[in-house]
PDB file of N, CA and C in Angstrom:
ATOM      1  N   MET A   1     -17.319  11.489  11.110  1.00  0.00           N
ATOM      2  CA  MET A   1     -16.400  10.930  10.114  1.00  0.00           C
ATOM      3  C   MET A   1     -15.239  11.914   9.931  1.00  0.00           C
ATOM      4  N   ASP A   2     -14.020  11.420  10.088  1.00  0.00           N
ATOM      5  CA  ASP A   2     -12.872  12.310   9.930  1.00  0.00           C
ATOM      6  C   ASP A   2     -12.540  12.521   8.451  1.00  0.00           C
ATOM      7  N   HIS A   3     -11.605  13.417   8.221  1.00  0.00           N
ATOM      8  CA  HIS A   3     -11.255  13.804   6.840  1.00  0.00           C
ATOM      9  C   HIS A   3     -10.747  12.613   6.025  1.00  0.00           C
ATOM     10  N   GLU A   4      -9.913  11.774   6.621  1.00  0.00           N
ATOM     11  CA  GLU A   4      -9.351  10.645   5.874  1.00  0.00           C
ATOM     12  C   GLU A   4     -10.443   9.643   5.482  1.00  0.00           C
ATOM     13  N   GLN A   5     -11.370   9.381   6.373  1.00  0.00           N
ATOM     14  CA  GLN A   5     -12.470   8.467   6.061  1.00  0.00           C
ATOM     15  C   GLN A   5     -13.340   9.026   4.938  1.00  0.00           C
ATOM     16  N   LYS A   6     -13.592  10.316   4.990  1.00  0.00           N
ATOM     17  CA  LYS A   6     -14.405  10.954   3.954  1.00  0.00           C
ATOM     18  C   LYS A   6     -13.690  10.889   2.603  1.00  0.00           C
ATOM     19  N   LEU A   7     -12.382  11.139   2.616  1.00  0.00           N
ATOM     20  CA  LEU A   7     -11.591  11.084   1.394  1.00  0.00           C
ATOM     21  C   LEU A   7     -11.582   9.665   0.828  1.00  0.00           C
ATOM     22  N   ARG A   8     -11.410   8.689   1.704  1.00  0.00           N
ATOM     23  CA  ARG A   8     -11.407   7.291   1.246  1.00  0.00           C
ATOM     24  C   ARG A   8     -12.749   6.931   0.617  1.00  0.00           C
ATOM     25  N   GLU A   9     -13.815   7.385   1.210  1.00  0.00           N
ATOM     26  CA  GLU A   9     -15.149   7.132   0.666  1.00  0.00           C
ATOM     27  C   GLU A   9     -15.295   7.753  -0.733  1.00  0.00           C
ATOM     28  N   GLN A  10     -14.779   8.964  -0.902  1.00  0.00           N
ATOM     29  CA  GLN A  10     -14.829   9.619  -2.212  1.00  0.00           C
ATOM     30  C   GLN A  10     -14.005   8.874  -3.250  1.00  0.00           C
ATOM     31  N   LEU A  11     -12.891   8.300  -2.825  1.00  0.00           N
ATOM     32  CA  LEU A  11     -11.971   7.625  -3.737  1.00  0.00           C
ATOM     33  C   LEU A  11     -12.283   6.138  -3.927  1.00  0.00           C
ATOM     34  N   MET A  12     -13.295   5.642  -3.234  1.00  0.00           N
ATOM     35  CA  MET A  12     -13.600   4.212  -3.277  1.00  0.00           C
ATOM     36  C   MET A  12     -13.830   3.676  -4.692  1.00  0.00           C
ATOM     37  N   PRO A  13     -14.528   4.377  -5.591  1.00  0.00           N
ATOM     38  CA  PRO A  13     -14.679   3.825  -6.948  1.00  0.00           C
ATOM     39  C   PRO A  13     -13.333   3.583  -7.646  1.00  0.00           C
ATOM     40  N   ALA A  14     -12.378   4.492  -7.481  1.00  0.00           N
ATOM     41  CA  ALA A  14     -11.057   4.315  -8.092  1.00  0.00           C
ATOM     42  C   ALA A  14     -10.304   3.178  -7.404  1.00  0.00           C
ATOM     43  N   LEU A  15     -10.404   3.086  -6.078  1.00  0.00           N
ATOM     44  CA  LEU A  15      -9.755   1.994  -5.342  1.00  0.00           C
ATOM     45  C   LEU A  15     -10.316   0.639  -5.768  1.00  0.00           C
ATOM     46  N   GLU A  16     -11.630   0.561  -5.922  1.00  0.00           N
ATOM     47  CA  GLU A  16     -12.255  -0.694  -6.341  1.00  0.00           C
ATOM     48  C   GLU A  16     -11.835  -1.059  -7.762  1.00  0.00           C
ATOM     49  N   CYS A  17     -11.701  -0.069  -8.614  1.00  0.00           N
ATOM     50  CA  CYS A  17     -11.243  -0.299  -9.990  1.00  0.00           C
ATOM     51  C   CYS A  17      -9.830  -0.889  -9.981  1.00  0.00           C
ATOM     52  N   LYS A  18      -8.942  -0.317  -9.183  1.00  0.00           N
ATOM     53  CA  LYS A  18      -7.560  -0.813  -9.095  1.00  0.00           C
ATOM     54  C   LYS A  18      -7.539  -2.208  -8.469  1.00  0.00           C
ATOM     55  N   TYR A  19      -8.362  -2.419  -7.449  1.00  0.00           N
ATOM     56  CA  TYR A  19      -8.476  -3.732  -6.809  1.00  0.00           C
ATOM     57  C   TYR A  19      -8.885  -4.783  -7.851  1.00  0.00           C
ATOM     58  N   ASP A  20      -9.923  -4.481  -8.615  1.00  0.00           N
ATOM     59  CA  ASP A  20     -10.396  -5.412  -9.647  1.00  0.00           C
ATOM     60  C   ASP A  20      -9.320  -5.680 -10.695  1.00  0.00           C
ATOM     61  N   GLU A  21      -8.589  -4.639 -11.088  1.00  0.00           N
ATOM     62  CA  GLU A  21      -7.515  -4.791 -12.073  1.00  0.00           C
ATOM     63  C   GLU A  21      -6.452  -5.760 -11.565  1.00  0.00           C
ATOM     64  N   PHE A  22      -6.001  -5.563 -10.331  1.00  0.00           N
ATOM     65  CA  PHE A  22      -4.970  -6.432  -9.760  1.00  0.00           C
ATOM     66  C   PHE A  22      -5.475  -7.866  -9.645  1.00  0.00           C
ATOM     67  N   ARG A  23      -6.731  -8.050  -9.248  1.00  0.00           N
ATOM     68  CA  ARG A  23      -7.301  -9.401  -9.136  1.00  0.00           C
ATOM     69  C   ARG A  23      -7.340 -10.078 -10.505  1.00  0.00           C
ATOM     70  N   LEU A  24      -7.722  -9.323 -11.534  1.00  0.00           N
ATOM     71  CA  LEU A  24      -7.755  -9.886 -12.888  1.00  0.00           C
ATOM     72  C   LEU A  24      -6.363 -10.292 -13.370  1.00  0.00           C
ATOM     73  N   LEU A  25      -5.345  -9.585 -12.885  1.00  0.00           N
ATOM     74  CA  LEU A  25      -3.969  -9.900 -13.247  1.00  0.00           C
ATOM     75  C   LEU A  25      -3.396 -11.050 -12.420  1.00  0.00           C
ATOM     76  N   GLY A  26      -4.190 -11.568 -11.476  1.00  0.00           N
ATOM     77  CA  GLY A  26      -3.749 -12.715 -10.690  1.00  0.00           C
ATOM     78  C   GLY A  26      -3.180 -12.384  -9.322  1.00  0.00           C
ATOM     79  N   TYR A  27      -3.238 -11.129  -8.908  1.00  0.00           N
ATOM     80  CA  TYR A  27      -2.726 -10.739  -7.587  1.00  0.00           C
ATOM     81  C   TYR A  27      -3.836 -10.946  -6.559  1.00  0.00           C
ATOM     82  N   THR A  28      -3.975 -12.183  -6.103  1.00  0.00           N
ATOM     83  CA  THR A  28      -5.085 -12.541  -5.222  1.00  0.00           C
ATOM     84  C   THR A  28      -4.921 -12.021  -3.799  1.00  0.00           C
ATOM     85  N   GLN A  29      -3.728 -11.620  -3.408  1.00  0.00           N
ATOM     86  CA  GLN A  29      -3.493 -11.134  -2.053  1.00  0.00           C
ATOM     87  C   GLN A  29      -3.818  -9.647  -1.885  1.00  0.00           C
ATOM     88  N   VAL A  30      -4.238  -8.986  -2.951  1.00  0.00           N
ATOM     89  CA  VAL A  30      -4.558  -7.564  -2.881  1.00  0.00           C
ATOM     90  C   VAL A  30      -5.826  -7.347  -2.048  1.00  0.00           C
ATOM     91  N   THR A  31      -5.798  -6.283  -1.247  1.00  0.00           N
ATOM     92  CA  THR A  31      -6.971  -5.881  -0.469  1.00  0.00           C
ATOM     93  C   THR A  31      -7.171  -4.383  -0.639  1.00  0.00           C
ATOM     94  N   LEU A  32      -8.391  -3.933  -0.402  1.00  0.00           N
ATOM     95  CA  LEU A  32      -8.653  -2.496  -0.460  1.00  0.00           C
ATOM     96  C   LEU A  32      -7.869  -1.772   0.630  1.00  0.00           C
ATOM     97  N   ASP A  33      -7.800  -2.356   1.809  1.00  0.00           N
ATOM     98  CA  ASP A  33      -7.024  -1.741   2.900  1.00  0.00           C
ATOM     99  C   ASP A  33      -5.538  -1.682   2.542  1.00  0.00           C
ATOM    100  N   GLY A  34      -5.032  -2.741   1.915  1.00  0.00           N
ATOM    101  CA  GLY A  34      -3.632  -2.752   1.504  1.00  0.00           C
ATOM    102  C   GLY A  34      -3.331  -1.697   0.463  1.00  0.00           C
ATOM    103  N   LEU A  35      -4.230  -1.551  -0.501  1.00  0.00           N
ATOM    104  CA  LEU A  35      -4.054  -0.506  -1.516  1.00  0.00           C
ATOM    105  C   LEU A  35      -4.039   0.865  -0.872  1.00  0.00           C
ATOM    106  N   TRP A  36      -4.976   1.101   0.039  1.00  0.00           N
ATOM    107  CA  TRP A  36      -5.072   2.398   0.713  1.00  0.00           C
ATOM    108  C   TRP A  36      -3.792   2.696   1.494  1.00  0.00           C
ATOM    109  N   GLU A  37      -3.327   1.709   2.246  1.00  0.00           N
ATOM    110  CA  GLU A  37      -2.115   1.893   3.046  1.00  0.00           C
ATOM    111  C   GLU A  37      -0.892   2.140   2.154  1.00  0.00           C
ATOM    112  N   CYS A  38      -0.809   1.421   1.046  1.00  0.00           N
ATOM    113  CA  CYS A  38       0.286   1.609   0.100  1.00  0.00           C
ATOM    114  C   CYS A  38       0.287   3.037  -0.432  1.00  0.00           C
ATOM    115  N   LEU A  39      -0.855   3.511  -0.841  1.00  0.00           N
ATOM    116  CA  LEU A  39      -0.956   4.872  -1.368  1.00  0.00           C
ATOM    117  C   LEU A  39      -0.622   5.908  -0.293  1.00  0.00           C
ATOM    118  N   ARG A  40      -1.124   5.690   0.916  1.00  0.00           N
ATOM    119  CA  ARG A  40      -0.862   6.634   2.014  1.00  0.00           C
ATOM    120  C   ARG A  40       0.631   6.728   2.339  1.00  0.00           C
ATOM    121  N   THR A  41       1.313   5.581   2.341  1.00  0.00           N
ATOM    122  CA  THR A  41       2.710   5.584   2.766  1.00  0.00           C
ATOM    123  C   THR A  41       3.700   5.834   1.634  1.00  0.00           C
ATOM    124  N   ARG A  42       3.294   5.578   0.394  1.00  0.00           N
ATOM    125  CA  ARG A  42       4.223   5.743  -0.724  1.00  0.00           C
ATOM    126  C   ARG A  42       3.931   6.977  -1.567  1.00  0.00           C
ATOM    127  N   ARG A  43       2.713   7.150  -1.964  1.00  0.00           N
ATOM    128  CA  ARG A  43       2.374   8.260  -2.863  1.00  0.00           C
ATOM    129  C   ARG A  43       1.977   9.522  -2.112  1.00  0.00           C
ATOM    130  N   TRP A  44       1.396   9.346  -0.935  1.00  0.00           N
ATOM    131  CA  TRP A  44       0.869  10.492  -0.190  1.00  0.00           C
ATOM    132  C   TRP A  44       1.578  10.670   1.144  1.00  0.00           C
ATOM    133  N   LYS A  45       2.876  10.467   1.168  1.00  0.00           N
ATOM    134  CA  LYS A  45       3.659  10.596   2.400  1.00  0.00           C
ATOM    135  C   LYS A  45       3.453  11.947   3.075  1.00  0.00           C
ATOM    136  N   HIS A  46       3.372  12.975   2.266  1.00  0.00           N
ATOM    137  CA  HIS A  46       3.285  14.332   2.793  1.00  0.00           C
ATOM    138  C   HIS A  46       1.844  14.805   2.919  1.00  0.00           C
ATOM    139  N   GLY A  47       0.916  13.887   2.802  1.00  0.00           N
ATOM    140  CA  GLY A  47      -0.488  14.204   3.011  1.00  0.00           C
ATOM    141  C   GLY A  47      -1.275  14.308   1.726  1.00  0.00           C
ATOM    142  N   ALA A  48      -2.356  13.577   1.694  1.00  0.00           N
ATOM    143  CA  ALA A  48      -3.239  13.597   0.529  1.00  0.00           C
ATOM    144  C   ALA A  48      -4.041  14.880   0.470  1.00  0.00           C
ATOM    145  N   ALA A  49      -4.183  15.565   1.605  1.00  0.00           N
ATOM    146  CA  ALA A  49      -5.005  16.770   1.663  1.00  0.00           C
ATOM    147  C   ALA A  49      -4.458  17.888   0.772  1.00  0.00           C
ATOM    148  N   GLU A  50      -3.169  17.829   0.477  1.00  0.00           N
ATOM    149  CA  GLU A  50      -2.554  18.875  -0.340  1.00  0.00           C
ATOM    150  C   GLU A  50      -2.831  18.689  -1.831  1.00  0.00           C
ATOM    151  N   LYS A  51      -3.344  17.525  -2.207  1.00  0.00           N
ATOM    152  CA  LYS A  51      -3.576  17.228  -3.618  1.00  0.00           C
ATOM    153  C   LYS A  51      -5.036  17.440  -3.977  1.00  0.00           C
ATOM    154  N   LYS A  52      -5.257  17.684  -5.240  1.00  0.00           N
ATOM    155  CA  LYS A  52      -6.618  17.796  -5.757  1.00  0.00           C
ATOM    156  C   LYS A  52      -7.179  16.384  -5.958  1.00  0.00           C
ATOM    157  N   LEU A  53      -8.487  16.272  -5.986  1.00  0.00           N
ATOM    158  CA  LEU A  53      -9.142  14.980  -6.100  1.00  0.00           C
ATOM    159  C   LEU A  53      -8.706  14.239  -7.365  1.00  0.00           C
ATOM    160  N   HIS A  54      -8.606  14.941  -8.491  1.00  0.00           N
ATOM    161  CA  HIS A  54      -8.206  14.268  -9.727  1.00  0.00           C
ATOM    162  C   HIS A  54      -6.769  13.755  -9.658  1.00  0.00           C
ATOM    163  N   GLU A  55      -5.904  14.420  -8.878  1.00  0.00           N
ATOM    164  CA  GLU A  55      -4.527  13.946  -8.705  1.00  0.00           C
ATOM    165  C   GLU A  55      -4.499  12.666  -7.869  1.00  0.00           C
ATOM    166  N   LEU A  56      -5.360  12.597  -6.865  1.00  0.00           N
ATOM    167  CA  LEU A  56      -5.444  11.399  -6.033  1.00  0.00           C
ATOM    168  C   LEU A  56      -5.959  10.214  -6.848  1.00  0.00           C
ATOM    169  N   VAL A  57      -6.971  10.460  -7.680  1.00  0.00           N
ATOM    170  CA  VAL A  57      -7.501   9.401  -8.541  1.00  0.00           C
ATOM    171  C   VAL A  57      -6.411   8.922  -9.502  1.00  0.00           C
ATOM    172  N   SER A  58      -5.661   9.856 -10.059  1.00  0.00           N
ATOM    173  CA  SER A  58      -4.568   9.503 -10.961  1.00  0.00           C
ATOM    174  C   SER A  58      -3.514   8.654 -10.242  1.00  0.00           C
ATOM    175  N   ASP A  59      -3.201   9.008  -9.007  1.00  0.00           N
ATOM    176  CA  ASP A  59      -2.250   8.222  -8.216  1.00  0.00           C
ATOM    177  C   ASP A  59      -2.740   6.786  -8.039  1.00  0.00           C
ATOM    178  N   ILE A  60      -4.021   6.634  -7.774  1.00  0.00           N
ATOM    179  CA  ILE A  60      -4.589   5.297  -7.588  1.00  0.00           C
ATOM    180  C   ILE A  60      -4.513   4.506  -8.884  1.00  0.00           C
ATOM    181  N   LEU A  61      -4.987   5.105  -9.964  1.00  0.00           N
ATOM    182  CA  LEU A  61      -5.074   4.390 -11.228  1.00  0.00           C
ATOM    183  C   LEU A  61      -3.705   4.086 -11.841  1.00  0.00           C
ATOM    184  N   SER A  62      -2.690   4.845 -11.468  1.00  0.00           N
ATOM    185  CA  SER A  62      -1.356   4.611 -12.023  1.00  0.00           C
ATOM    186  C   SER A  62      -0.492   3.706 -11.137  1.00  0.00           C
ATOM    187  N   LEU A  63      -1.021   3.256 -10.006  1.00  0.00           N
ATOM    188  CA  LEU A  63      -0.276   2.358  -9.124  1.00  0.00           C
ATOM    189  C   LEU A  63      -0.006   1.041  -9.858  1.00  0.00           C
ATOM    190  N   SER A  64       1.249   0.649  -9.910  1.00  0.00           N
ATOM    191  CA  SER A  64       1.610  -0.584 -10.636  1.00  0.00           C
ATOM    192  C   SER A  64       1.623  -1.773  -9.684  1.00  0.00           C
ATOM    193  N   PRO A  65       1.408  -2.965 -10.218  1.00  0.00           N
ATOM    194  CA  PRO A  65       1.512  -4.168  -9.381  1.00  0.00           C
ATOM    195  C   PRO A  65       2.889  -4.280  -8.716  1.00  0.00           C
ATOM    196  N   GLY A  66       3.941  -3.920  -9.437  1.00  0.00           N
ATOM    197  CA  GLY A  66       5.289  -3.981  -8.870  1.00  0.00           C
ATOM    198  C   GLY A  66       5.455  -3.088  -7.663  1.00  0.00           C
ATOM    199  N   GLU A  67       4.901  -1.879  -7.738  1.00  0.00           N
ATOM    200  CA  GLU A  67       4.989  -0.949  -6.607  1.00  0.00           C
ATOM    201  C   GLU A  67       4.199  -1.486  -5.407  1.00  0.00           C
ATOM    202  N   TYR A  68       3.035  -2.051  -5.684  1.00  0.00           N
ATOM    203  CA  TYR A  68       2.223  -2.617  -4.601  1.00  0.00           C
ATOM    204  C   TYR A  68       2.921  -3.817  -3.966  1.00  0.00           C
ATOM    205  N   MET A  69       3.510  -4.698  -4.794  1.00  0.00           N
ATOM    206  CA  MET A  69       4.201  -5.866  -4.273  1.00  0.00           C
ATOM    207  C   MET A  69       5.439  -5.456  -3.457  1.00  0.00           C
ATOM    208  N   ALA A  70       6.141  -4.426  -3.890  1.00  0.00           N
ATOM    209  CA  ALA A  70       7.287  -3.926  -3.121  1.00  0.00           C
ATOM    210  C   ALA A  70       6.821  -3.413  -1.761  1.00  0.00           C
ATOM    211  N   PHE A  71       5.679  -2.723  -1.749  1.00  0.00           N
ATOM    212  CA  PHE A  71       5.107  -2.243  -0.488  1.00  0.00           C
ATOM    213  C   PHE A  71       4.795  -3.416   0.441  1.00  0.00           C
ATOM    214  N   LEU A  72       4.137  -4.465  -0.104  1.00  0.00           N
ATOM    215  CA  LEU A  72       3.796  -5.627   0.723  1.00  0.00           C
ATOM    216  C   LEU A  72       5.043  -6.314   1.263  1.00  0.00           C
ATOM    217  N   THR A  73       6.067  -6.425   0.430  1.00  0.00           N
ATOM    218  CA  THR A  73       7.308  -7.063   0.849  1.00  0.00           C
ATOM    219  C   THR A  73       7.960  -6.281   1.983  1.00  0.00           C
ATOM    220  N   MET A  74       8.038  -4.968   1.822  1.00  0.00           N
ATOM    221  CA  MET A  74       8.659  -4.137   2.863  1.00  0.00           C
ATOM    222  C   MET A  74       7.831  -4.159   4.151  1.00  0.00           C
ATOM    223  N   ARG A  75       6.522  -4.135   4.017  1.00  0.00           N
ATOM    224  CA  ARG A  75       5.652  -4.170   5.202  1.00  0.00           C
ATOM    225  C   ARG A  75       5.821  -5.501   5.930  1.00  0.00           C
ATOM    226  N   SER A  76       5.911  -6.588   5.180  1.00  0.00           N
ATOM    227  CA  SER A  76       6.102  -7.907   5.772  1.00  0.00           C
ATOM    228  C   SER A  76       7.448  -7.980   6.493  1.00  0.00           C
ATOM    229  N   TYR A  77       8.484  -7.458   5.843  1.00  0.00           N
ATOM    230  CA  TYR A  77       9.813  -7.461   6.448  1.00  0.00           C
ATOM    231  C   TYR A  77       9.826  -6.646   7.745  1.00  0.00           C
ATOM    232  N   GLU A  78       9.187  -5.475   7.726  1.00  0.00           N
ATOM    233  CA  GLU A  78       9.146  -4.625   8.921  1.00  0.00           C
ATOM    234  C   GLU A  78       8.387  -5.300  10.053  1.00  0.00           C
ATOM    235  N   GLN A  79       7.289  -5.986   9.719  1.00  0.00           N
ATOM    236  CA  GLN A  79       6.518  -6.691  10.747  1.00  0.00           C
ATOM    237  C   GLN A  79       7.336  -7.833  11.341  1.00  0.00           C
ATOM    238  N   GLN A  80       8.084  -8.541  10.504  1.00  0.00           N
ATOM    239  CA  GLN A  80       8.928  -9.625  11.005  1.00  0.00           C
ATOM    240  C   GLN A  80       9.997  -9.089  11.939  1.00  0.00           C
ATOM    241  N   ARG A  81      10.582  -7.957  11.567  1.00  0.00           N
ATOM    242  CA  ARG A  81      11.611  -7.359  12.422  1.00  0.00           C
ATOM    243  C   ARG A  81      11.043  -6.958  13.769  1.00  0.00           C
ATOM    244  N   LEU A  82       9.844  -6.364  13.758  1.00  0.00           N
ATOM    245  CA  LEU A  82       9.236  -5.907  15.003  1.00  0.00           C
ATOM    246  C   LEU A  82       8.856  -7.065  15.919  1.00  0.00           C
ATOM    247  N   THR A  83       8.525  -8.196  15.345  1.00  0.00           N
ATOM    248  CA  THR A  83       8.135  -9.356  16.154  1.00  0.00           C
ATOM    249  C   THR A  83       9.310 -10.268  16.451  1.00  0.00           C
ATOM    250  N   GLY A  84      10.482  -9.931  15.965  1.00  0.00           N
ATOM    251  CA  GLY A  84      11.667 -10.731  16.240  1.00  0.00           C
ATOM    252  C   GLY A  84      11.756 -11.990  15.411  1.00  0.00           C
ATOM    253  N   GLY A  85      10.982 -12.065  14.348  1.00  0.00           N
ATOM    254  CA  GLY A  85      10.970 -13.269  13.544  1.00  0.00           C
ATOM    255  C   GLY A  85      11.833 -13.190  12.302  1.00  0.00           C
ATOM    256  N   ASP A  86      12.812 -12.321  12.290  1.00  0.00           N
ATOM    257  CA  ASP A  86      13.642 -12.156  11.094  1.00  0.00           C
ATOM    258  C   ASP A  86      14.811 -13.126  11.123  1.00  0.00           C
ATOM    259  N   GLU A  87      14.644 -14.235  10.461  1.00  0.00           N
ATOM    260  CA  GLU A  87      15.654 -15.289  10.426  1.00  0.00           C
ATOM    261  C   GLU A  87      16.945 -14.811   9.765  1.00  0.00           C
ATOM    262  N   LEU A  88      16.827 -14.057   8.687  1.00  0.00           N
ATOM    263  CA  LEU A  88      18.005 -13.561   7.982  1.00  0.00           C
ATOM    264  C   LEU A  88      18.829 -12.659   8.888  1.00  0.00           C
ATOM    265  N   GLU A  89      18.172 -11.783   9.621  1.00  0.00           N
ATOM    266  CA  GLU A  89      18.894 -10.889  10.524  1.00  0.00           C
ATOM    267  C   GLU A  89      19.610 -11.688  11.616  1.00  0.00           C
ATOM    268  N   ARG A  90      18.987 -12.740  12.128  1.00  0.00           N
ATOM    269  CA  ARG A  90      19.609 -13.579  13.144  1.00  0.00           C
ATOM    270  C   ARG A  90      20.851 -14.281  12.600  1.00  0.00           C
ATOM    271  N   ILE A  91      20.738 -14.805  11.379  1.00  0.00           N
ATOM    272  CA  ILE A  91      21.869 -15.498  10.746  1.00  0.00           C
ATOM    273  C   ILE A  91      23.026 -14.526  10.530  1.00  0.00           C
ATOM    274  N   LEU A  92      22.720 -13.323  10.022  1.00  0.00           N
ATOM    275  CA  LEU A  92      23.768 -12.331   9.830  1.00  0.00           C
ATOM    276  C   LEU A  92      24.427 -11.950  11.135  1.00  0.00           C
ATOM    277  N   HIS A  93      23.631 -11.793  12.163  1.00  0.00           N
ATOM    278  CA  HIS A  93      24.172 -11.452  13.479  1.00  0.00           C
ATOM    279  C   HIS A  93      25.103 -12.561  13.995  1.00  0.00           C
ATOM    280  N   ASP A  94      24.702 -13.824  13.798  1.00  0.00           N
ATOM    281  CA  ASP A  94      25.519 -14.955  14.224  1.00  0.00           C
ATOM    282  C   ASP A  94      26.835 -15.013  13.449  1.00  0.00           C
ATOM    283  N   LEU A  95      26.781 -14.690  12.148  1.00  0.00           N
ATOM    284  CA  LEU A  95      27.986 -14.723  11.329  1.00  0.00           C
ATOM    285  C   LEU A  95      28.964 -13.621  11.678  1.00  0.00           C
ATOM    286  N   LEU A  96      28.451 -12.473  12.058  1.00  0.00           N
ATOM    287  CA  LEU A  96      29.312 -11.337  12.372  1.00  0.00           C
ATOM    288  C   LEU A  96      29.669 -11.359  13.824  1.00  0.00           C
TER     289      LEU A  96
END
């Protein structure tokens, strides 16, 4: 088991708590993997290993639905761009 997997296992109770909170608020598209990826790319860009465990838990518990939704939107947009399915970009290109 690598360091990231071990860390995720340690943080799973906090991740599950945040997952349950978002589900109760009506965010049915939330996933544990999505939460983890959001935290890794937004809050822990420079590495979670540099933070103490209580700081990581605080990062998880303070994640807002708005921040998570912005992450999902940006991830969706990036995936569309990579697959060539960005209709808006095509329209802009045609106009210019």
